[in-house]
C-alpha atoms as a PDB file:
ATOM      1  CA  UNK A   1     114.121 -22.381 107.926  1.00  0.00           C
ATOM      2  CA  UNK A   2     115.643 -25.324 109.754  1.00  0.00           C
ATOM      3  CA  UNK A   3     113.122 -27.819 108.321  1.00  0.00           C
ATOM      4  CA  UNK A   4     113.838 -26.623 104.788  1.00  0.00           C
ATOM      5  CA  UNK A   5     117.579 -26.146 105.257  1.00  0.00           C
ATOM      6  CA  UNK A   6     118.602 -28.846 102.806  1.00  0.00           C
ATOM      7  CA  UNK A   7     116.363 -27.412 100.118  1.00  0.00           C
ATOM      8  CA  UNK A   8     116.878 -23.630 100.383  1.00  0.00           C
ATOM      9  CA  UNK A   9     118.568 -22.178  97.328  1.00  0.00           C
ATOM     10  CA  UNK A  10     117.118 -18.679  97.142  1.00  0.00           C
ATOM     11  CA  UNK A  11     115.521 -16.228  99.550  1.00  0.00           C
ATOM     12  CA  UNK A  12     113.071 -13.508  98.546  1.00  0.00           C
ATOM     13  CA  UNK A  13     114.043 -10.815 101.027  1.00  0.00           C
ATOM     14  CA  UNK A  14     112.287  -7.683 102.180  1.00  0.00           C
ATOM     15  CA  UNK A  15     111.701  -5.940 105.482  1.00  0.00           C
ATOM     16  CA  UNK A  16     108.551  -4.720 107.195  1.00  0.00           C
ATOM     17  CA  UNK A  17     107.339  -3.007 110.333  1.00  0.00           C
ATOM     18  CA  UNK A  18     105.235  -5.938 111.483  1.00  0.00           C
ATOM     19  CA  UNK A  19     101.845  -4.620 110.400  1.00  0.00           C
ATOM     20  CA  UNK A  20     101.865  -5.118 106.628  1.00  0.00           C
ATOM     21  CA  UNK A  21     103.873  -6.830 103.923  1.00  0.00           C
ATOM     22  CA  UNK A  22     105.634  -3.518 103.293  1.00  0.00           C
ATOM     23  CA  UNK A  23     108.374  -4.779 100.951  1.00  0.00           C
ATOM     24  CA  UNK A  24     110.864  -2.368 102.502  1.00  0.00           C
ATOM     25  CA  UNK A  25     114.584  -2.695 101.913  1.00  0.00           C
ATOM     26  CA  UNK A  26     116.382  -4.891 104.462  1.00  0.00           C
ATOM     27  CA  UNK A  27     117.476  -2.638 107.311  1.00  0.00           C
ATOM     28  CA  UNK A  28     114.437  -0.339 107.038  1.00  0.00           C
ATOM     29  CA  UNK A  29     112.069  -2.424 109.145  1.00  0.00           C
ATOM     30  CA  UNK A  30     111.945  -4.658 112.196  1.00  0.00           C
ATOM     31  CA  UNK A  31     113.477  -7.906 110.924  1.00  0.00           C
ATOM     32  CA  UNK A  32     116.568  -8.959 112.856  1.00  0.00           C
ATOM     33  CA  UNK A  33     118.858  -9.508 109.854  1.00  0.00           C
ATOM     34  CA  UNK A  34     121.867 -10.270 112.030  1.00  0.00           C
ATOM     35  CA  UNK A  35     120.020 -13.160 113.634  1.00  0.00           C
ATOM     36  CA  UNK A  36     118.664 -14.362 110.291  1.00  0.00           C
ATOM     37  CA  UNK A  37     122.085 -14.312 108.600  1.00  0.00           C
ATOM     38  CA  UNK A  38     123.631 -16.055 111.607  1.00  0.00           C
ATOM     39  CA  UNK A  39     121.022 -18.817 111.456  1.00  0.00           C
ATOM     40  CA  UNK A  40     121.430 -19.136 107.685  1.00  0.00           C
ATOM     41  CA  UNK A  41     125.152 -19.573 108.263  1.00  0.00           C
ATOM     42  CA  UNK A  42     124.471 -22.277 110.841  1.00  0.00           C
ATOM     43  CA  UNK A  43     122.451 -24.296 108.335  1.00  0.00           C
ATOM     44  CA  UNK A  44     125.194 -23.700 105.748  1.00  0.00           C
ATOM     45  CA  UNK A  45     122.977 -21.734 103.347  1.00  0.00           C
ATOM     46  CA  UNK A  46     125.041 -20.635 100.339  1.00  0.00           C
ATOM     47  CA  UNK A  47     122.245 -19.446  98.076  1.00  0.00           C
ATOM     48  CA  UNK A  48     121.322 -15.970  96.962  1.00  0.00           C
ATOM     49  CA  UNK A  49     118.880 -13.267  97.930  1.00  0.00           C
ATOM     50  CA  UNK A  50     116.357 -11.573  95.674  1.00  0.00           C
ATOM     51  CA  UNK A  51     115.242  -8.233  97.062  1.00  0.00           C
ATOM     52  CA  UNK A  52     111.488  -7.726  96.804  1.00  0.00           C
ATOM     53  CA  UNK A  53     111.031  -3.988  97.111  1.00  0.00           C
ATOM     54  CA  UNK A  54     107.994  -1.986  96.126  1.00  0.00           C
ATOM     55  CA  UNK A  55     106.406   1.369  96.531  1.00  0.00           C
ATOM     56  CA  UNK A  56     105.170   4.359  94.607  1.00  0.00           C
ATOM     57  CA  UNK A  57     108.650   5.738  94.140  1.00  0.00           C
ATOM     58  CA  UNK A  58     110.747   6.597  91.138  1.00  0.00           C
ATOM     59  CA  UNK A  59     112.826   3.670  89.830  1.00  0.00           C
ATOM     60  CA  UNK A  60     116.053   5.490  90.702  1.00  0.00           C
ATOM     61  CA  UNK A  61     114.980   5.743  94.351  1.00  0.00           C
ATOM     62  CA  UNK A  62     114.033   2.067  94.558  1.00  0.00           C
ATOM     63  CA  UNK A  63     117.352   1.075  92.981  1.00  0.00           C
ATOM     64  CA  UNK A  64     119.217   3.282  95.465  1.00  0.00           C
ATOM     65  CA  UNK A  65     117.330   1.591  98.312  1.00  0.00           C
ATOM     66  CA  UNK A  66     118.237  -1.822  96.856  1.00  0.00           C
ATOM     67  CA  UNK A  67     121.912  -0.884  96.694  1.00  0.00           C
ATOM     68  CA  UNK A  68     121.692   0.311 100.314  1.00  0.00           C
ATOM     69  CA  UNK A  69     120.078  -2.993 101.305  1.00  0.00           C
ATOM     70  CA  UNK A  70     122.896  -4.897  99.600  1.00  0.00           C
ATOM     71  CA  UNK A  71     125.455  -2.850 101.572  1.00  0.00           C
ATOM     72  CA  UNK A  72     123.476  -3.447 104.780  1.00  0.00           C
ATOM     73  CA  UNK A  73     123.391  -7.223 104.272  1.00  0.00           C
ATOM     74  CA  UNK A  74     127.094  -7.323 103.378  1.00  0.00           C
ATOM     75  CA  UNK A  75     128.009  -5.302 106.482  1.00  0.00           C
ATOM     76  CA  UNK A  76     125.961  -7.579 108.740  1.00  0.00           C
ATOM     77  CA  UNK A  77     127.618 -10.584 107.087  1.00  0.00           C
ATOM     78  CA  UNK A  78     131.013  -9.147 107.965  1.00  0.00           C
ATOM     79  CA  UNK A  79     129.902  -8.506 111.560  1.00  0.00           C
ATOM     80  CA  UNK A  80     128.841 -12.115 112.056  1.00  0.00           C
ATOM     81  CA  UNK A  81     131.982 -13.278 110.209  1.00  0.00           C
ATOM     82  CA  UNK A  82     130.225 -15.251 107.499  1.00  0.00           C
ATOM     83  CA  UNK A  83     132.681 -16.975 105.248  1.00  0.00           C
ATOM     84  CA  UNK A  84     130.302 -16.613 102.296  1.00  0.00           C
ATOM     85  CA  UNK A  85     128.221 -13.420 102.420  1.00  0.00           C
ATOM     86  CA  UNK A  86     124.887 -13.711 100.609  1.00  0.00           C
ATOM     87  CA  UNK A  87     124.846 -12.875  96.949  1.00  0.00           C
ATOM     88  CA  UNK A  88     122.463  -9.979  96.381  1.00  0.00           C
ATOM     89  CA  UNK A  89     121.783  -8.801  92.866  1.00  0.00           C
ATOM     90  CA  UNK A  90     120.160  -5.457  92.143  1.00  0.00           C
ATOM     91  CA  UNK A  91     117.807  -5.198  89.180  1.00  0.00           C
ATOM     92  CA  UNK A  92     114.630  -3.279  88.482  1.00  0.00           C
ATOM     93  CA  UNK A  93     111.436  -4.798  87.139  1.00  0.00           C
ATOM     94  CA  UNK A  94     108.022  -3.198  86.741  1.00  0.00           C
ATOM     95  CA  UNK A  95     104.701  -4.948  87.112  1.00  0.00           C
END
C-alpha cells in the first residue's frame, strides 16, 4: 500500500477468514479494517471502494450484506476520525 500510495485510486474490498478468497462483506472476516482505514488515511487515500462480494445467495441478501459493509466501513471511519470516509457504492452484478 505504501509503495503504491501515489497511484491508488480505487480499492476492491472484501473480507475473508484467512483460508480462502471468501469475498465476504467487510466486517465478516479477519481483516483489521480499522488498521487498514487508518493507514489509508495516513497515505492520504481519497479514492473509492468497490465491494467484491460473492456467494450462492439471493441477490437481496448479497445487497443487504453490501449495505451492512458500507455501514461498517463508515462507522470505522468515524471511529478513526477520517476527514474523508471512503466512498462505497452498492450495486449488484451477476456473472
